[in-house]
Amino acid sequence: MKKIYFGIAILVACSSVQAQYKKASFLSKSGRTYDIGFAGHFLSGGGGTVPGIYYSYGRDKGKRIFHWFDLEVLLPTKFKYNTVDKSDLETPVTVTGKSKLGLVYRYNFACYLTNVENTESKFKPFITAGINFLLLGGNPQSAEISPSYADPVKMLTYDAFSYGANAGLGCIYTLSEKIGIKAIAGYNLQGQLSSDYNNQEEYSVYKVYSNHPYVGVGVRFVMTGDGE
């Protein structure tokens, strides 16, 4: 099942890119947007802070509604959580490790909170919601159990597929007709598909990439000129 969802995610990503390039004069079309920026994902449950570097492309024709796609690299980070031993629930167990390098594909839909067609303000606040798939990563790279002989009730899975949905608020500050600064903050609900321990009720699974708030800031470039 995980591989099926992974394949669907790959197809969505490839189809989206292909659809963009099928349109004539892709790079010169008016309203095309491109972002480069940095993000921070503040994981709960001992997951730490995961830094990210993202590239975005989308469309903003100066109306209330706009959208964009993200490709974000999640850098490896350390995690730590506490649980107990299955054979002796009074014995505390600590699990520490490091996550793998991740790659997120995300689609975002947004709406400006002001009428951008009839304002000269450089600040353009908006609300946004989106969905994401981890094409790579979201799993531990390595881990250590202390004490080493323990059998933790909460286990790690090294083969899982992660997906999620997000919502948040953002603002674009216009520096010029073609360049702006885009900042965004929100909350991400993250799910996980894994066959590990599904039929073993005595175990639970620790999600390395779990629900979390996030922030991002980057430079946005807007293509101007004629064309639809």
Protein backbone atom coordinates (compact mmCIF):
# COMPACT_ATOMS: atom_id res chain seq x y z
CA MET A 1 0.00 0.00 0.00
CA LYS A 2 2.81 2.38 0.88
CA LYS A 3 4.42 1.86 -2.50
CA ILE A 4 1.12 2.59 -4.24
CA TYR A 5 0.77 5.92 -2.47
CA PHE A 6 4.42 6.70 -3.18
CA GLY A 7 3.81 6.03 -6.87
CA ILE A 8 0.74 8.27 -6.86
CA ALA A 9 2.74 11.08 -5.29
CA ILE A 10 5.47 10.74 -7.92
CA LEU A 11 2.88 10.81 -10.70
CA VAL A 12 1.23 13.91 -9.28
CA ALA A 13 4.57 15.69 -9.09
CA CYS A 14 5.60 14.71 -12.60
CA SER A 15 2.19 15.47 -14.09
CA SER A 16 2.17 18.91 -12.54
CA VAL A 17 5.61 19.78 -13.88
CA GLN A 18 4.72 18.39 -17.29
CA ALA A 19 1.48 20.39 -17.43
CA GLN A 20 3.36 23.59 -16.66
CA TYR A 21 5.85 23.03 -19.45
CA LYS A 22 3.19 22.11 -21.99
CA LYS A 23 1.97 25.69 -21.90
CA ALA A 24 3.81 27.92 -24.36
CA SER A 25 6.43 30.40 -23.16
CA PHE A 26 6.48 28.97 -19.63
CA LEU A 27 9.29 31.16 -18.29
CA SER A 28 8.02 34.41 -19.82
CA LYS A 29 4.35 34.23 -18.93
CA SER A 30 2.87 37.03 -16.91
CA GLY A 31 1.98 36.06 -13.35
CA ARG A 32 4.37 33.13 -12.99
CA THR A 33 6.01 33.13 -9.55
CA TYR A 34 9.21 31.54 -8.29
CA ASP A 35 10.35 31.43 -4.67
CA ILE A 36 13.58 30.44 -2.96
CA GLY A 37 13.62 30.37 0.83
CA PHE A 38 14.19 28.72 4.17
CA ALA A 39 11.74 27.02 6.54
CA GLY A 40 11.67 25.70 10.08
CA HIS A 41 9.53 22.76 11.24
CA PHE A 42 9.13 22.56 15.03
CA LEU A 43 8.37 18.92 15.76
CA SER A 44 6.80 17.82 19.04
CA GLY A 45 7.55 14.73 21.08
CA GLY A 46 11.33 15.13 21.02
CA GLY A 47 11.58 15.58 17.27
CA GLY A 48 13.51 18.83 17.47
CA THR A 49 13.59 21.54 14.81
CA VAL A 50 13.92 20.44 11.20
CA PRO A 51 15.39 23.11 8.89
CA GLY A 52 14.29 23.17 5.28
CA ILE A 53 15.31 24.78 1.99
CA TYR A 54 12.55 25.18 -0.58
CA TYR A 55 11.96 26.13 -4.20
CA SER A 56 8.45 27.16 -5.28
CA TYR A 57 6.71 27.82 -8.56
CA GLY A 58 3.14 28.98 -9.08
CA ARG A 59 0.76 31.54 -10.54
CA ASP A 60 -0.43 34.89 -9.21
CA LYS A 61 -2.38 36.99 -11.70
CA GLY A 62 -3.11 39.80 -9.27
CA LYS A 63 -6.53 38.40 -8.23
CA ARG A 64 -7.68 37.28 -4.78
CA ILE A 65 -6.85 33.63 -5.44
CA PHE A 66 -3.39 32.24 -6.22
CA HIS A 67 -1.48 28.98 -5.82
CA TRP A 68 1.98 27.46 -5.84
CA PHE A 69 3.91 24.19 -5.57
CA ASP A 70 6.87 23.55 -3.25
CA LEU A 71 9.81 21.22 -3.43
CA GLU A 72 11.49 21.33 -0.03
CA VAL A 73 14.61 19.59 1.20
CA LEU A 74 14.41 18.65 4.90
CA LEU A 75 17.81 18.50 6.51
CA PRO A 76 18.64 15.61 8.90
CA THR A 77 18.06 16.35 12.58
CA LYS A 78 18.36 14.55 15.90
CA PHE A 79 15.35 13.18 17.79
CA LYS A 80 14.77 11.72 21.24
CA TYR A 81 11.78 10.16 22.97
CA ASN A 82 11.00 8.23 26.14
CA THR A 83 9.02 5.03 26.49
CA VAL A 84 9.06 1.83 28.59
CA ASP A 85 10.18 -1.75 28.18
CA LYS A 86 7.50 -4.18 26.93
CA SER A 87 8.49 -6.94 29.33
CA ASP A 88 8.69 -4.59 32.33
CA LEU A 89 6.51 -1.50 32.09
CA GLU A 90 8.31 0.00 35.10
CA THR A 91 11.62 0.19 33.21
CA PRO A 92 12.12 3.53 31.44
CA VAL A 93 13.65 3.43 27.96
CA THR A 94 15.20 6.28 25.97
CA VAL A 95 15.51 6.19 22.18
CA THR A 96 17.77 8.68 20.39
CA GLY A 97 18.60 8.95 16.72
CA LYS A 98 18.93 11.00 13.58
CA SER A 99 16.47 11.42 10.74
CA LYS A 100 17.20 10.93 7.04
CA LEU A 101 17.43 13.71 4.48
CA GLY A 102 13.89 14.38 3.27
CA LEU A 103 12.21 15.74 0.14
CA VAL A 104 8.69 17.19 0.38
CA TYR A 105 6.34 17.88 -2.52
CA ARG A 106 3.58 20.31 -1.53
CA TYR A 107 0.63 22.05 -3.18
CA ASN A 108 -0.65 25.32 -1.67
CA PHE A 109 -3.89 27.19 -2.37
CA ALA A 110 -4.16 30.75 -1.05
CA CYS A 111 -6.47 33.75 -0.86
CA TYR A 112 -5.49 37.36 -0.24
CA LEU A 113 -7.28 38.99 2.70
CA THR A 114 -7.37 42.36 0.92
CA ASN A 115 -8.43 43.34 -2.58
CA VAL A 116 -5.02 43.43 -4.22
CA GLU A 117 -6.52 44.78 -7.47
CA ASN A 118 -7.54 48.05 -5.79
CA THR A 119 -4.75 48.78 -3.36
CA GLU A 120 -1.26 50.22 -3.57
CA SER A 121 -0.17 48.73 -0.25
CA LYS A 122 3.13 46.87 -0.31
CA PHE A 123 1.80 44.40 2.31
CA LYS A 124 -0.46 41.63 1.01
CA PRO A 125 -1.69 39.29 3.79
CA PHE A 126 -3.23 35.95 2.83
CA ILE A 127 -4.54 32.66 4.18
CA THR A 128 -3.40 29.34 2.78
CA ALA A 129 -4.02 25.60 2.92
CA GLY A 130 -2.25 22.72 1.26
CA ILE A 131 -1.33 19.06 1.09
CA ASN A 132 2.09 17.40 1.08
CA PHE A 133 3.83 14.10 0.38
CA LEU A 134 7.29 13.09 1.54
CA LEU A 135 8.89 11.68 -1.59
CA LEU A 136 12.03 10.88 0.41
CA GLY A 137 12.84 10.77 4.11
CA GLY A 138 10.52 11.02 7.08
CA ASN A 139 12.21 7.95 8.59
CA PRO A 140 15.13 7.44 11.01
CA GLN A 141 18.64 7.08 9.64
CA SER A 142 19.98 5.54 12.82
CA ALA A 143 18.93 5.07 16.44
CA GLU A 144 20.21 3.91 19.82
CA ILE A 145 18.18 2.33 22.62
CA SER A 146 19.10 2.83 26.27
CA PRO A 147 19.30 0.40 27.98
CA SER A 148 20.44 -1.55 24.94
CA TYR A 149 18.68 -4.80 26.00
CA ALA A 150 15.26 -3.14 26.19
CA ASP A 151 12.31 -3.88 23.93
CA PRO A 152 10.58 -0.46 23.66
CA VAL A 153 6.80 -0.32 23.60
CA LYS A 154 7.02 2.68 21.26
CA MET A 155 9.03 1.56 18.23
CA LEU A 156 10.62 3.22 15.22
CA THR A 157 9.69 2.27 11.68
CA TYR A 158 12.36 2.49 8.99
CA ASP A 159 9.97 1.97 6.10
CA ALA A 160 7.02 4.36 6.18
CA PHE A 161 5.32 6.80 3.82
CA SER A 162 4.43 10.24 5.21
CA TYR A 163 1.71 12.61 4.01
CA GLY A 164 -0.02 15.64 5.47
CA ALA A 165 -2.15 18.76 5.23
CA ASN A 166 -1.37 22.29 6.34
CA ALA A 167 -3.06 25.63 6.94
CA GLY A 168 -1.66 29.01 7.87
CA LEU A 169 -1.31 32.74 7.40
CA GLY A 170 1.21 34.62 5.32
CA CYS A 171 2.17 37.97 3.91
CA ILE A 172 3.95 39.20 0.81
CA TYR A 173 5.91 42.43 1.00
CA THR A 174 6.39 43.92 -2.46
CA LEU A 175 9.84 45.36 -3.08
CA SER A 176 9.22 46.01 -6.76
CA GLU A 177 7.00 44.86 -9.59
CA LYS A 178 9.07 41.70 -9.95
CA ILE A 179 10.47 40.98 -6.48
CA GLY A 180 8.90 40.49 -3.07
CA ILE A 181 9.45 38.86 0.31
CA LYS A 182 7.01 36.08 1.25
CA ALA A 183 6.64 34.97 4.88
CA ILE A 184 4.30 32.24 6.10
CA ALA A 185 3.46 30.46 9.35
CA GLY A 186 1.01 27.68 10.09
CA TYR A 187 0.36 24.19 11.38
CA ASN A 188 0.94 20.87 9.63
CA LEU A 189 -1.00 17.67 10.39
CA GLN A 190 1.15 14.72 9.36
CA GLY A 191 0.04 11.14 8.83
CA GLN A 192 2.07 8.01 8.20
CA LEU A 193 1.50 4.69 6.46
CA SER A 194 3.51 1.71 7.69
CA SER A 195 2.97 -2.03 7.86
CA ASP A 196 5.30 -2.40 10.86
CA TYR A 197 3.60 -3.49 14.08
CA ASN A 198 0.10 -3.10 12.59
CA ASN A 199 -1.01 -6.46 14.00
CA GLN A 200 0.83 -6.13 17.28
CA GLU A 201 -1.31 -4.17 19.71
CA GLU A 202 1.39 -4.11 22.38
CA TYR A 203 3.50 -1.76 20.24
CA SER A 204 2.98 1.81 19.05
CA VAL A 205 4.97 3.65 16.37
CA TYR A 206 6.95 6.85 16.89
CA LYS A 207 6.63 9.27 13.97
CA VAL A 208 9.95 10.96 13.24
CA TYR A 209 8.15 13.60 11.12
CA SER A 210 5.02 14.33 13.16
CA ASN A 211 2.39 17.07 13.55
CA HIS A 212 4.03 20.47 13.96
CA PRO A 213 3.93 24.24 13.52
CA TYR A 214 6.13 25.67 10.79
CA VAL A 215 7.46 28.99 9.46
CA GLY A 216 9.03 29.97 6.17
CA VAL A 217 10.48 33.06 4.55
CA GLY A 218 11.86 33.57 1.07
CA VAL A 219 12.29 35.80 -1.94
CA ARG A 220 9.54 35.72 -4.55
CA PHE A 221 10.11 36.58 -8.20
CA VAL A 222 7.16 37.46 -10.44
CA MET A 223 7.26 37.28 -14.23
CA THR A 224 5.67 40.33 -15.85
CA GLY A 225 4.62 41.09 -19.40
CA ASP A 226 1.97 39.96 -21.81
CA GLY A 227 0.58 36.51 -22.19
CA GLU A 228 -1.96 34.05 -21.00
